Protein backbone atom coordinates (compact mmCIF):
# COMPACT_ATOMS: atom_id res chain seq x y z
CA MET A 1 -22.55 17.81 9.37
CA PRO A 2 -19.08 18.83 8.97
CA ASP A 3 -18.49 21.36 6.49
CA GLN A 4 -17.62 20.00 2.90
CA PRO A 5 -14.24 20.87 1.66
CA GLU A 6 -14.12 23.53 -0.79
CA TYR A 7 -12.18 22.50 -4.27
CA GLU A 8 -10.69 24.79 -6.92
CA PHE A 9 -11.41 22.24 -9.55
CA ASP A 10 -14.22 19.90 -10.26
CA VAL A 11 -11.88 17.12 -11.93
CA PHE A 12 -8.26 16.62 -12.33
CA ILE A 13 -7.25 14.46 -15.44
CA SER A 14 -4.26 11.97 -15.03
CA TYR A 15 -3.22 10.29 -18.36
CA SER A 16 -0.18 9.07 -20.37
CA SER A 17 1.26 11.51 -22.77
CA ARG A 18 0.68 8.80 -25.44
CA ASP A 19 -3.02 9.40 -25.19
CA LYS A 20 -2.92 13.02 -25.16
CA ALA A 21 -4.78 13.47 -28.51
CA TRP A 22 -7.88 11.94 -27.14
CA VAL A 23 -7.75 13.48 -24.02
CA ARG A 24 -7.08 17.26 -25.15
CA GLY A 25 -9.15 16.66 -28.18
CA LYS A 26 -12.26 14.98 -26.92
CA LEU A 27 -12.39 14.36 -23.22
CA LEU A 28 -11.24 17.89 -22.15
CA PRO A 29 -13.78 19.75 -24.55
CA ARG A 30 -16.68 17.44 -23.68
CA LEU A 31 -15.92 17.92 -19.73
CA GLU A 32 -15.53 21.62 -19.97
CA THR A 33 -18.82 21.96 -22.27
CA ALA A 34 -20.58 20.37 -19.77
CA GLY A 35 -19.64 23.30 -17.36
CA LEU A 36 -16.77 21.63 -15.30
CA LYS A 37 -13.72 23.21 -14.19
CA VAL A 38 -10.83 20.80 -15.25
CA CYS A 39 -7.39 20.70 -13.94
CA ILE A 40 -4.92 19.43 -16.56
CA ASP A 41 -1.04 19.23 -16.59
CA PHE A 42 -0.11 21.55 -19.63
CA ARG A 43 -2.23 24.17 -18.64
CA ASP A 44 -2.47 24.28 -14.71
CA PHE A 45 1.04 22.67 -13.69
CA GLN A 46 3.35 25.48 -12.26
CA ALA A 47 6.35 25.60 -14.69
CA GLY A 48 9.86 25.08 -13.03
CA ARG A 49 8.22 23.61 -9.86
CA ASN A 50 8.63 20.01 -8.83
CA ALA A 51 6.42 17.65 -10.84
CA LEU A 52 5.52 15.66 -7.71
CA LEU A 53 4.45 18.70 -5.81
CA ASN A 54 2.33 19.80 -8.85
CA MET A 55 0.68 16.33 -8.86
CA GLN A 56 0.13 16.38 -5.31
CA ASP A 57 -1.46 19.78 -5.35
CA ALA A 58 -3.71 18.83 -8.46
CA VAL A 59 -5.44 16.08 -6.49
CA ARG A 60 -5.77 18.02 -3.44
CA ARG A 61 -7.39 21.02 -5.25
CA SER A 62 -9.81 18.73 -7.27
CA ARG A 63 -13.03 17.31 -6.14
CA ARG A 64 -12.34 14.18 -8.20
CA SER A 65 -9.40 12.60 -10.20
CA LEU A 66 -10.25 10.86 -13.41
CA LEU A 67 -7.33 8.21 -14.31
CA VAL A 68 -7.20 7.67 -18.19
CA ILE A 69 -6.14 4.07 -18.09
CA SER A 70 -4.09 2.22 -20.53
CA LYS A 71 -1.16 0.25 -20.87
CA ASP A 72 1.05 3.33 -21.25
CA TRP A 73 -0.65 4.89 -18.29
CA PHE A 74 0.61 1.90 -16.25
CA ALA A 75 3.91 1.79 -17.64
CA SER A 76 4.46 5.35 -16.15
CA GLU A 77 5.55 5.57 -12.65
CA TRP A 78 4.46 9.33 -12.67
CA THR A 79 0.95 8.47 -13.62
CA MET A 80 0.74 5.55 -11.18
CA PHE A 81 1.92 7.99 -8.33
CA GLU A 82 -0.98 10.49 -9.43
CA GLY A 83 -3.43 7.68 -8.90
CA LEU A 84 -2.06 6.85 -5.43
CA LEU A 85 -2.33 10.27 -4.60
CA GLY A 86 -6.00 10.44 -5.89
CA ARG A 87 -6.97 7.68 -3.75
CA GLN A 88 -9.01 8.89 -0.67
CA GLY A 89 -10.96 7.56 2.30
CA LYS A 90 -10.78 4.02 3.55
CA PRO A 91 -8.03 1.71 2.34
CA SER A 92 -10.51 -0.43 0.59
CA GLY A 93 -11.40 2.46 -1.61
CA ARG A 94 -15.10 2.36 -0.84
CA GLU A 95 -15.12 6.25 -0.19
CA SER A 96 -12.89 7.09 -3.15
CA ARG A 97 -12.72 10.29 -5.10
CA THR A 98 -10.98 8.58 -7.82
CA ILE A 99 -12.82 7.71 -11.20
CA PRO A 100 -11.13 5.20 -13.43
CA LEU A 101 -11.75 5.41 -17.34
CA LEU A 102 -10.52 2.43 -19.29
CA PHE A 103 -9.35 3.98 -22.61
CA ARG A 104 -7.53 1.00 -23.98
CA PRO A 105 -7.79 -2.54 -22.81
CA CYS A 106 -4.77 -3.68 -20.95
CA ASP A 107 -3.93 -6.07 -17.73
CA PHE A 108 -3.87 -4.22 -14.38
CA PRO A 109 -0.61 -4.99 -12.69
CA GLU A 110 -0.56 -6.59 -9.29
CA ASP A 111 0.38 -3.25 -7.46
CA ALA A 112 -2.80 -1.66 -9.20
CA ASP A 113 -5.12 -3.84 -6.90
CA PHE A 114 -6.92 -0.61 -5.51
CA ILE A 115 -7.50 0.80 -9.06
CA ALA A 116 -8.92 -2.60 -10.11
CA ALA A 117 -11.07 -2.51 -7.24
CA LEU A 118 -13.02 0.48 -8.36
CA THR A 119 -15.88 0.37 -10.69
CA HIS A 120 -14.41 1.69 -13.96
CA ILE A 121 -15.99 3.41 -17.15
CA ASP A 122 -15.31 1.61 -20.49
CA PHE A 123 -14.39 3.88 -23.25
CA THR A 124 -12.36 1.05 -25.10
CA GLU A 125 -13.29 0.48 -28.93
CA GLY A 126 -16.64 -1.38 -29.38
CA ALA A 127 -17.95 0.00 -25.95
CA ASP A 128 -21.24 1.78 -25.82
CA PHE A 129 -20.00 5.44 -25.88
CA ASP A 130 -23.62 6.88 -25.16
CA ILE A 131 -23.57 4.93 -21.97
CA ALA A 132 -19.91 5.71 -21.15
CA TRP A 133 -20.40 9.38 -21.51
CA ARG A 134 -23.54 9.48 -19.49
CA GLN A 135 -21.74 7.31 -16.63
CA LEU A 136 -18.82 9.68 -16.76
CA LEU A 137 -20.63 13.12 -16.39
CA THR A 138 -22.75 11.58 -13.84
CA ALA A 139 -19.56 10.35 -12.09
CA VAL A 140 -17.96 13.97 -11.95
CA GLY A 141 -21.15 15.61 -10.83
CA LYS A 142 -22.81 16.86 -14.26
CA PRO A 143 -25.41 14.02 -15.27
CA PRO A 144 -26.80 14.61 -18.75
CA GLU A 145 -30.52 15.28 -19.05
CA SER A 146 -31.94 11.93 -18.73
CA GLU A 147 -34.19 10.50 -21.41
CA ARG A 148 -36.62 8.67 -19.54
CA ARG A 149 -38.24 5.64 -20.71
CA PRO A 150 -41.52 4.39 -19.51
CA PRO A 151 -41.72 1.51 -17.21
CA ALA A 152 -41.63 -1.55 -19.06
CA ARG A 153 -45.22 -3.11 -19.61
CA ARG A 154 -45.91 -6.43 -17.92
CA ASP A 155 -48.40 -8.72 -19.05
CA SER A 156 -50.77 -9.44 -16.22
CA SER A 157 -53.34 -11.66 -17.73
CA PRO A 158 -54.05 -15.01 -16.25
CA ALA A 159 -52.73 -16.74 -19.22
CA ALA A 160 -49.37 -14.90 -18.84
CA GLY A 161 -49.31 -15.41 -15.21
CA ARG A 162 -49.77 -19.42 -15.78
CA VAL A 163 -47.66 -19.77 -18.90
CA GLY A 164 -45.10 -16.75 -18.62
CA ASP A 165 -43.75 -15.29 -21.69
CA ARG A 166 -40.23 -15.99 -21.04
CA ARG A 167 -38.90 -14.27 -23.98
CA SER A 168 -40.72 -11.11 -23.25
CA ASP A 169 -39.57 -11.22 -19.45
CA ALA A 170 -36.02 -11.53 -20.68
CA ALA A 171 -36.36 -8.70 -23.15
CA ASN A 172 -38.03 -6.53 -20.33
CA LEU A 173 -35.14 -7.48 -18.00
CA ASP A 174 -32.43 -6.56 -20.48
CA THR A 175 -33.96 -3.46 -21.13
CA ASP A 176 -34.21 -2.53 -17.36
CA LEU A 177 -30.65 -3.58 -17.05
CA ARG A 178 -29.45 -1.31 -19.69
CA ASP A 179 -31.60 1.47 -18.21
CA LEU A 180 -29.93 1.23 -14.97
CA VAL A 181 -26.40 1.00 -16.66
CA ALA A 182 -27.11 4.00 -18.77
CA ARG A 183 -28.16 6.03 -15.63
CA GLY A 184 -24.87 5.06 -13.82
CA LEU A 185 -26.79 3.09 -11.09
CA LEU A 186 -25.46 -0.21 -12.24
CA HIS A 187 -22.00 -1.40 -13.37
CA HIS A 188 -21.87 -4.34 -15.97
CA ASP A 189 -18.31 -6.02 -16.16
CA THR A 190 -18.52 -7.62 -19.66
CA LYS A 191 -15.24 -9.49 -19.06
CA GLU A 192 -16.75 -11.15 -15.97
CA ALA A 193 -20.40 -11.23 -17.15
CA ARG A 194 -21.35 -9.82 -13.97
CA PHE A 195 -23.66 -6.84 -12.61
CA ASP A 196 -22.65 -4.77 -9.55
CA LEU A 197 -24.72 -1.81 -7.76
CA HIS A 198 -22.92 1.53 -7.84
CA PRO A 199 -21.40 1.91 -4.33
CA ILE A 200 -23.82 5.13 -3.58
CA VAL A 201 -26.91 3.07 -4.65
CA ARG A 202 -25.81 0.06 -2.43
CA ARG A 203 -25.18 2.35 0.42
CA TYR A 204 -28.63 4.00 -0.05
CA ALA A 205 -30.29 0.88 0.14
CA TYR A 206 -28.13 -0.72 2.86
CA ASP A 207 -28.95 2.32 5.20
CA ARG A 208 -32.70 1.88 4.82
CA LEU A 209 -32.52 -1.56 6.02
CA ALA A 210 -33.75 -1.99 9.69
CA ALA A 211 -31.16 -3.35 11.91
CA PRO A 212 -32.53 -6.97 12.01
CA ASP A 213 -32.80 -7.16 8.44
CA ARG A 214 -29.07 -6.14 7.99
CA ALA A 215 -27.81 -8.79 10.28
CA ALA A 216 -29.96 -11.45 8.57
CA ALA A 217 -28.50 -10.31 5.27
CA HIS A 218 -24.98 -10.61 6.42
CA VAL A 219 -25.68 -13.97 8.12
CA ARG A 220 -27.05 -15.14 4.62
CA LEU A 221 -23.98 -13.97 2.91
CA ARG A 222 -21.55 -15.20 5.42
CA ASP A 223 -23.25 -18.66 4.94
CA TYR A 224 -22.81 -18.13 1.20
CA PHE A 225 -19.01 -17.45 1.54
CA ALA A 226 -18.39 -19.89 4.09
CA ALA A 227 -19.50 -22.53 1.47
CA VAL A 228 -16.68 -21.29 -1.19
CA PRO A 229 -14.15 -23.84 -1.61
CA ARG A 230 -10.74 -22.86 -0.31
CA PRO A 231 -7.97 -22.36 -2.87
CA ASP A 232 -5.27 -25.39 -3.12
CA LYS A 233 -2.36 -22.57 -2.73
CA VAL A 234 -3.10 -18.75 -2.55
CA LYS A 235 -0.98 -16.84 -4.92
CA SER A 236 -2.70 -13.41 -4.90
CA LEU A 237 -5.10 -11.10 -3.10
CA GLU A 238 -7.81 -12.38 -5.31
CA ASP A 239 -7.54 -15.97 -4.02
CA LEU A 240 -8.20 -14.42 -0.61
CA ALA A 241 -11.24 -12.36 -1.73
CA PRO A 242 -13.98 -15.17 -0.82
CA VAL A 243 -12.75 -15.51 2.73
CA ILE A 244 -12.08 -11.73 3.09
CA GLU A 245 -16.03 -11.21 2.27
CA LEU A 246 -16.71 -14.00 4.61
CA TYR A 247 -14.85 -11.95 7.29
CA HIS A 248 -16.48 -8.84 6.52
CA HIS A 249 -19.89 -10.39 6.77
CA THR A 250 -19.01 -12.16 9.89
CA VAL A 251 -18.19 -8.75 11.43
CA ARG A 252 -21.40 -7.17 10.33
CA ALA A 253 -23.47 -9.79 11.56
CA GLY A 254 -22.00 -8.84 15.10
CA GLN A 255 -19.82 -11.93 15.51
CA PHE A 256 -16.56 -10.15 16.15
CA ASP A 257 -14.89 -13.20 17.93
CA GLU A 258 -15.66 -15.53 15.15
CA ALA A 259 -14.10 -12.95 12.77
CA TRP A 260 -11.18 -12.48 14.56
CA THR A 261 -10.50 -16.32 14.59
CA LEU A 262 -11.11 -16.12 10.81
CA PHE A 263 -8.65 -13.47 10.20
CA ARG A 264 -6.14 -15.08 12.40
CA ASP A 265 -6.31 -18.55 11.05
CA ARG A 266 -7.06 -18.14 7.15
CA ILE A 267 -6.06 -14.61 6.41
CA TRP A 268 -3.13 -12.89 8.73
CA GLN A 269 -0.04 -14.85 7.88
CA THR A 270 -0.71 -15.16 4.09
CA LEU A 271 -1.62 -11.58 3.83
CA TYR A 272 1.16 -10.08 5.93
CA TYR A 273 4.11 -12.18 5.18
CA GLN A 274 3.62 -13.45 1.57
CA LEU A 275 1.25 -10.59 0.05
CA GLY A 276 2.34 -7.60 2.01
CA GLY A 277 -1.33 -6.43 1.96
CA TYR A 278 -0.88 -3.94 4.74
CA LEU A 279 -3.48 -1.54 3.89
CA VAL A 280 -5.92 -4.31 3.50
CA GLN A 281 -5.07 -5.71 7.00
CA ILE A 282 -5.63 -2.24 8.28
CA ASP A 283 -8.99 -2.14 6.82
CA LEU A 284 -9.80 -5.72 7.93
CA LEU A 285 -8.67 -5.07 11.74
CA ARG A 286 -10.11 -1.70 12.00
CA ALA A 287 -13.57 -3.27 11.69
CA LEU A 288 -12.82 -5.08 15.04
CA PHE A 289 -12.73 -1.42 16.53
CA PRO A 290 -16.26 0.04 15.99
CA GLY A 291 -15.80 2.57 18.58
CA GLY A 292 -12.48 3.93 17.09
CA GLU A 293 -8.76 2.67 18.05
CA GLN A 294 -8.75 4.26 21.52
CA PRO A 295 -11.18 1.65 22.95
CA LEU A 296 -10.03 -2.13 22.97
CA PRO A 297 -10.94 -4.15 19.89
CA ARG A 298 -14.50 -5.69 20.45
CA LEU A 299 -13.35 -9.16 21.53
CA GLU A 300 -13.88 -11.46 24.64
CA ASP A 301 -10.60 -12.61 25.39
CA GLU A 302 -7.89 -10.06 26.28
CA SER A 303 -5.08 -12.07 24.82
CA ASP A 304 -6.95 -11.81 21.28
CA GLN A 305 -7.35 -7.97 22.19
CA ALA A 306 -3.53 -7.78 22.58
CA HIS A 307 -2.86 -9.80 19.37
CA ALA A 308 -5.32 -7.71 17.18
CA LEU A 309 -3.51 -4.48 18.58
CA ASN A 310 -0.26 -5.77 17.66
CA GLU A 311 -0.95 -6.62 14.09
CA LEU A 312 -2.82 -3.51 13.52
CA ALA A 313 0.33 -1.68 14.76
CA ASN A 314 2.51 -3.66 12.61
CA ALA A 315 0.33 -2.91 9.44
CA TYR A 316 0.41 0.66 10.28
CA SER A 317 4.24 0.82 10.63
CA LEU A 318 5.03 -0.77 7.38
CA SER A 319 2.58 1.29 5.47
CA GLY A 320 4.29 4.50 6.40
CA GLN A 321 2.26 5.35 9.70
CA PRO A 322 4.66 4.59 12.46
CA ARG A 323 3.27 7.09 15.17
CA ARG A 324 0.10 5.52 14.69
CA ALA A 325 1.39 2.07 15.57
CA VAL A 326 3.21 3.23 18.70
CA PRO A 327 0.00 3.52 21.13
CA LEU A 328 -1.20 0.39 19.67
CA TYR A 329 2.01 -1.51 20.78
CA GLU A 330 2.02 0.07 23.83
CA GLN A 331 -1.81 -1.06 24.62
CA SER A 332 -0.82 -4.62 23.39
CA ASN A 333 2.15 -4.66 25.63
CA ALA A 334 0.25 -3.36 28.63
CA ILE A 335 -2.29 -6.38 28.39
CA ARG A 336 0.42 -9.10 28.03
CA GLU A 337 2.27 -7.48 31.17
CA ARG A 338 -0.74 -7.53 33.08
CA HIS A 339 -1.24 -11.18 32.21
CA GLY A 340 2.49 -12.17 32.95
CA ASP A 341 2.50 -13.38 29.22
CA LYS A 342 6.46 -12.90 28.95
CA ARG A 343 6.83 -14.46 25.67
CA ASN A 344 4.46 -12.35 23.97
CA LEU A 345 5.75 -9.30 25.82
CA ALA A 346 9.00 -9.93 24.54
CA ILE A 347 7.79 -10.11 20.79
CA GLY A 348 5.79 -6.79 21.33
CA LEU A 349 8.81 -5.07 22.79
CA GLY A 350 10.76 -6.02 19.79
CA ALA A 351 8.05 -5.03 17.47
CA VAL A 352 7.79 -1.35 18.85
CA ALA A 353 11.51 -0.95 18.99
CA TYR A 354 12.24 -1.87 15.40
CA ALA A 355 8.84 -1.29 13.63
CA ALA A 356 7.98 1.94 15.34
CA CYS A 357 10.76 3.66 17.50
CA MET A 358 13.59 3.23 14.85
CA PRO A 359 11.91 4.77 12.10
CA ILE A 360 11.03 7.82 14.03
CA GLY A 361 14.44 8.27 15.41
CA ALA A 362 13.81 7.14 18.81
CA LEU A 363 16.67 5.17 19.02
CA ARG A 364 17.20 5.16 22.79
CA ASP A 365 13.76 4.01 23.27
CA ALA A 366 14.33 1.35 20.80
CA GLU A 367 17.62 0.01 22.39
CA ALA A 368 15.84 0.03 25.75
CA ASN A 369 13.08 -1.96 24.36
CA LEU A 370 15.28 -4.63 22.70
CA ARG A 371 17.50 -5.12 25.74
CA ARG A 372 14.54 -5.55 27.98
CA ARG A 373 13.33 -8.26 25.39
CA PHE A 374 17.03 -10.27 25.83
CA ALA A 375 16.18 -10.42 29.50
CA LEU A 376 12.56 -11.74 29.16
CA SER A 377 13.70 -14.30 26.48
CA ARG A 378 16.51 -15.54 28.45
CA GLU A 379 14.39 -15.65 31.53
CA ILE A 380 11.94 -18.10 29.76
CA LYS A 381 14.65 -19.69 27.65
CA ASP A 382 13.16 -18.68 24.37
CA GLU A 383 16.30 -18.68 22.23
CA TRP A 384 14.19 -17.90 18.93
CA HIS A 385 13.22 -14.52 20.18
CA GLU A 386 16.37 -13.72 21.78
CA ALA A 387 18.13 -14.27 18.52
CA ILE A 388 15.91 -11.84 16.86
CA GLY A 389 16.67 -9.35 19.55
CA HIS A 390 20.39 -9.35 19.13
CA GLN A 391 19.70 -9.23 15.18
CA GLU A 392 17.89 -6.04 15.50
CA LEU A 393 20.04 -4.42 17.94
CA GLY A 394 22.72 -5.12 15.48
CA ARG A 395 20.95 -3.11 12.96
CA LEU A 396 20.08 -0.29 15.45
CA LEU A 397 23.70 -0.05 16.32
CA ALA A 398 24.83 0.12 12.52
CA TYR A 399 22.66 3.24 12.39
CA ARG A 400 24.39 4.71 15.31
CA GLY A 401 27.75 4.18 13.80
CA VAL A 402 28.81 1.82 16.47
CA TYR A 403 30.08 -0.85 13.95
CA HIS A 404 32.29 -3.10 15.95
CA LYS A 405 29.33 -3.73 18.37
CA SER A 406 26.89 -4.04 15.46
CA GLU A 407 28.90 -7.00 14.29
CA MET A 408 29.26 -8.52 17.64
CA GLU A 409 25.31 -8.51 18.07
CA LEU A 410 24.65 -9.88 14.27
CA ALA A 411 26.98 -12.68 15.13
CA THR A 412 25.68 -13.47 18.37
CA ALA A 413 22.53 -14.10 16.82
CA LEU A 414 23.67 -16.76 14.35
CA LYS A 415 25.41 -18.62 17.34
CA ILE A 416 21.84 -19.61 18.32
CA LYS A 417 21.31 -22.84 16.76
CA VAL A 418 17.59 -22.43 16.02
CA TRP A 419 18.01 -19.02 14.29
CA ARG A 420 21.30 -20.15 12.42
CA GLU A 421 19.15 -23.15 10.76
CA ASN A 422 16.10 -20.82 9.77
CA LEU A 423 16.51 -19.77 6.35
CA GLN A 424 14.42 -16.63 6.64
CA GLY A 425 16.28 -15.33 9.93
CA HIS A 426 19.65 -16.32 8.22
CA GLY A 427 18.77 -14.19 5.32
CA VAL A 428 17.66 -11.09 7.10
CA ASN A 429 21.24 -11.31 9.09
CA SER A 430 23.14 -11.12 5.72
CA ALA A 431 20.87 -8.15 4.82
CA HIS A 432 21.74 -6.36 8.07
CA ARG A 433 25.50 -7.15 7.63
CA ALA A 434 25.32 -5.76 4.14
CA LEU A 435 23.58 -2.64 5.68
CA ARG A 436 26.30 -2.25 8.14
CA GLU A 437 28.90 -2.43 5.46
CA LEU A 438 27.29 0.07 3.44
CA LEU A 439 26.88 2.44 6.33
CA THR A 440 30.68 2.06 7.23
CA LEU A 441 31.86 2.74 3.54
CA ARG A 442 29.49 5.91 3.59
CA GLU A 443 31.04 7.15 6.84
CA MET A 444 34.59 6.58 5.22
CA GLU A 445 33.48 8.67 2.27
CA LEU A 446 32.39 11.50 4.32
CA ARG A 447 35.46 11.49 6.25
CA GLN A 448 37.46 11.15 3.06
CA SER A 449 39.09 8.08 4.31
CA GLN A 450 40.77 5.62 1.86
CA ILE A 451 38.61 2.79 0.96
CA ALA A 452 40.51 -0.49 0.13
CA ASN A 453 37.50 -2.45 -0.88
CA ARG A 454 34.17 -1.19 -2.23
CA LYS A 455 32.79 -4.46 -2.93
CA LEU A 456 32.42 -6.16 0.65
CA ALA A 457 28.57 -5.59 0.76
CA ILE A 458 27.90 -7.11 -2.31
CA PRO A 459 28.37 -10.81 -1.39
CA LEU A 460 26.22 -10.26 1.87
CA ALA A 461 23.36 -8.71 0.04
CA ARG A 462 23.53 -11.53 -2.74
CA ARG A 463 23.45 -14.12 0.08
CA ALA A 464 20.37 -12.48 1.43
CA LEU A 465 18.72 -12.58 -2.02
CA GLU A 466 19.65 -16.35 -2.35
CA LEU A 467 18.25 -17.20 1.17
CA ALA A 468 14.92 -15.26 0.21
CA ASP A 469 14.69 -17.57 -2.99
CA GLU A 470 15.58 -20.83 -0.95
CA ASP A 471 12.98 -19.91 1.64
CA ALA A 472 10.41 -19.28 -1.04
CA ARG A 473 11.04 -22.71 -2.42
CA THR A 474 10.82 -24.52 0.85
CA ASP A 475 7.94 -22.69 2.65
CA ARG A 476 6.63 -19.55 1.11
CA PRO A 477 7.94 -16.14 -0.61
CA ASN A 478 8.45 -13.25 1.97
CA ALA A 479 7.68 -9.93 -0.05
CA ARG A 480 9.58 -8.00 2.20
CA ASP A 481 12.88 -10.13 2.20
CA TYR A 482 12.97 -9.50 -1.65
CA ILE A 483 12.59 -5.89 -1.34
CA ARG A 484 15.23 -5.66 1.33
CA SER A 485 17.55 -7.88 -0.66
CA HIS A 486 17.26 -6.20 -3.95
CA TRP A 487 17.43 -2.49 -2.48
CA LEU A 488 20.81 -3.63 -0.52
CA LEU A 489 22.34 -5.48 -3.49
CA GLY A 490 21.36 -2.40 -5.80
CA ALA A 491 23.16 -0.12 -3.37
CA ALA A 492 26.16 -2.16 -3.03
CA HIS A 493 26.60 -2.55 -6.77
CA ARG A 494 26.45 1.31 -6.91
CA VAL A 495 28.94 1.82 -4.13
CA ALA A 496 31.28 -0.37 -6.12
CA GLY A 497 30.68 1.57 -9.31
CA GLN A 498 28.76 -1.24 -11.17
CA HIS A 499 25.95 0.87 -12.31
CA ASP A 500 24.17 -1.25 -14.69
CA GLU A 501 23.58 -4.04 -11.85
CA ALA A 502 22.74 -1.24 -9.32
CA GLU A 503 20.03 0.14 -11.67
CA ARG A 504 18.66 -3.28 -12.21
CA HIS A 505 18.22 -4.28 -8.64
CA LEU A 506 17.04 -0.92 -7.27
CA HIS A 507 14.34 -0.94 -9.86
CA GLU A 508 13.34 -4.27 -8.99
CA ALA A 509 13.26 -3.24 -5.33
CA LEU A 510 10.92 -0.23 -6.46
CA GLU A 511 8.60 -2.17 -8.47
CA ARG A 512 8.16 -4.66 -5.85
CA CYS A 513 7.93 -2.18 -2.92
CA ARG A 514 5.12 -0.13 -4.84
CA ARG A 515 3.38 -3.28 -5.71
CA ILE A 516 2.66 -3.91 -2.01
CA ASN A 517 2.54 -0.36 -0.77
CA MET A 518 5.44 -0.95 1.56
CA VAL A 519 6.24 2.62 2.43
CA ASP A 520 9.02 2.06 4.88
CA HIS A 521 11.69 0.92 2.35
CA GLU A 522 10.44 3.47 -0.46
CA ALA A 523 12.47 6.24 0.48
CA ASN A 524 15.75 4.36 1.08
CA ILE A 525 15.23 2.90 -2.67
CA LEU A 526 14.57 6.24 -3.90
CA ILE A 527 17.70 7.84 -2.20
CA ASP A 528 19.93 5.08 -3.55
CA LEU A 529 18.49 5.72 -7.11
CA ALA A 530 19.17 9.47 -6.58
CA ARG A 531 22.99 8.68 -5.90
CA LEU A 532 23.04 6.57 -8.83
CA ARG A 533 21.91 9.36 -11.06
CA ALA A 534 24.16 11.71 -9.49
CA VAL A 535 27.23 9.74 -10.32
CA THR A 536 26.06 9.11 -13.95
CA GLY A 537 25.52 12.80 -14.85
CA ALA A 538 21.70 13.16 -14.42
CA PRO A 539 21.67 15.78 -11.34
CA ASP A 540 18.09 16.93 -12.27
CA GLU A 541 16.63 13.36 -11.96
CA ALA A 542 18.74 12.93 -8.86
CA ARG A 543 17.27 15.95 -7.31
CA ARG A 544 13.78 14.82 -8.25
CA LEU A 545 14.13 11.65 -6.65
CA ALA A 546 15.71 12.68 -3.37
CA GLU A 547 12.62 15.26 -3.30
CA GLU A 548 10.29 12.60 -3.58
CA ALA A 549 11.90 10.53 -1.15
CA LEU A 550 12.00 13.48 1.16
CA LEU A 551 8.25 14.16 0.74
CA ILE A 552 7.56 10.40 1.89
CA THR A 553 9.68 10.81 4.90
CA GLU A 554 8.03 13.93 5.76
CA ARG A 555 4.68 12.63 5.54
CA SER A 556 5.40 9.38 7.42
CA GLY A 557 7.68 10.79 10.12
CA TYR A 558 10.82 8.95 8.93
CA VAL A 559 13.65 10.73 10.76
CA LEU A 560 16.48 8.57 9.86
CA GLN A 561 15.46 8.57 6.08
CA GLY A 562 14.78 12.22 6.15
CA ALA A 563 18.17 12.88 7.27
CA ASP A 564 19.37 10.78 4.40
CA ALA A 565 17.23 12.56 1.86
CA HIS A 566 18.56 15.82 3.11
CA LEU A 567 22.08 15.21 3.01
CA GLU A 568 21.71 13.93 -0.46
CA LEU A 569 20.04 17.06 -1.47
CA SER A 570 22.84 19.00 0.15
CA LYS A 571 25.41 17.08 -1.70
CA LEU A 572 23.47 17.82 -4.99
CA ALA A 573 23.47 21.54 -4.17
CA LEU A 574 27.08 21.76 -3.55
CA ASP A 575 28.19 19.68 -6.46
CA PHE A 576 25.62 20.88 -9.28
CA TYR A 577 23.63 23.96 -8.27
CA SER A 578 24.08 27.30 -6.53
CA VAL A 579 20.55 28.20 -5.80
CA GLY A 580 17.09 26.54 -5.10
CA PRO A 581 15.72 23.89 -2.94
CA SER A 582 18.61 21.66 -2.73
CA CYS A 583 20.65 24.57 -1.27
CA ARG A 584 18.02 25.14 1.66
CA SER A 585 18.53 21.43 2.32
CA ALA A 586 22.39 21.86 2.47
CA GLN A 587 21.50 24.51 5.40
CA ILE A 588 19.19 22.13 7.51
């Protein structure tokens, strides 16, 4: 058994400042009276240190993170980020070290689906506080002395067996359920009128089932969820819950090919394009790799193996793990090349170029893959994917500063009729043109060149947003297109000196980005917010935002975005500071 990690604290408390009276006056003393070592901000954070780093360390040094949830907690991006840091284990949160404590009733925002999925402890007004404290102390590892009640007596007389005292049975059942809830073994969701076993109890019971019994249980559950009617229209992850459960039980029944067909036909496109559920997609697809990701997924057809590898790589890339995506893309492309599947090989070459190589700064590899994609697409007369290749090469050349060639590639993409008439593709093209204008203006600023028109990027970014709206009306919304458009429109307004509009669009982009955990755009948005704060006289906030962006880029390996974060910190150092971390960035 691997060594268990050593923790300095038993629990870290994440809370809103508006709830501090209860947290400091009741919660903290009760936990410490129970013998727990508690990490809390006002006492244990290092003064003068970056707040984000203090929070990250608090979670790392604590065995568990306790989230005191209220409307005010959700309103604070800082405490939300603490919650993100506290989430450990599998993306599904099943092995989480996070304990949600519901202090005041509130609606869970869409971006907090991972918190909503965890069993919470109810401390709201009117709750049974004896049970709540017992559940909390048990969850943090200090269960109070149990007040054992004798087992409920059952009347085994023949008369009782024949007639059955239904009222007595109901009372016994209620007593037993309350006892299980009080001991923390069962959760009662009063809002949904539903009971659920504690995950540890469920795992304990599951592990003691013999293999045939497990398979039989999953077959029964698979058949149950297969009978659940499909929703008319999927609007949220909750609408996909029955088919996701069906997928899980199909996998655990050993039916991997059937599970893949279910994912491909009923889950994949809605989850990836519409909802941006990248972490959920990782969780689902990894189940097809029972031996880990180095062996191929356990699917019979090699084309299905290649597709599964590609979709797992896509989800890794967009959730901030591009280096994990590269070998998966390469395995997928190797299968397609071996089978002579030129169309899907072209798609895969493009994916590894713009989803993995570009973010980590491997621009030469990215360009080589894109140019090979052109050749294959032309060979098989696939204009659609040829157009996408030109468009992504245009973005790559803009990052390299080859602006004239970038414009030529973007224009070439729109000369291809099937792409020009596609709303989503045309919108992305407008977004890439806006990006090219912004990069051109930034280079001119760095060279201290005279700039005649600072508003050139605004109509391009606005057009990208309009096309995202039109695509949502005629087909389905694409979460990624909205985030990209709002970010670029906010950046364009910032460059033009229109600070209120810049603020509005950048905050909209950040909120949407965090709602789906689309990490690959988050640092870009934070950097532009930092630039906005710098020009509006808030250098400390600008530095905080730039440092947060830098932390994301270092964790994810985003080379280009990391360079931007260092550049912004160096500018702040030169303009506002003489010492400190920003000056160190100026030297990098």
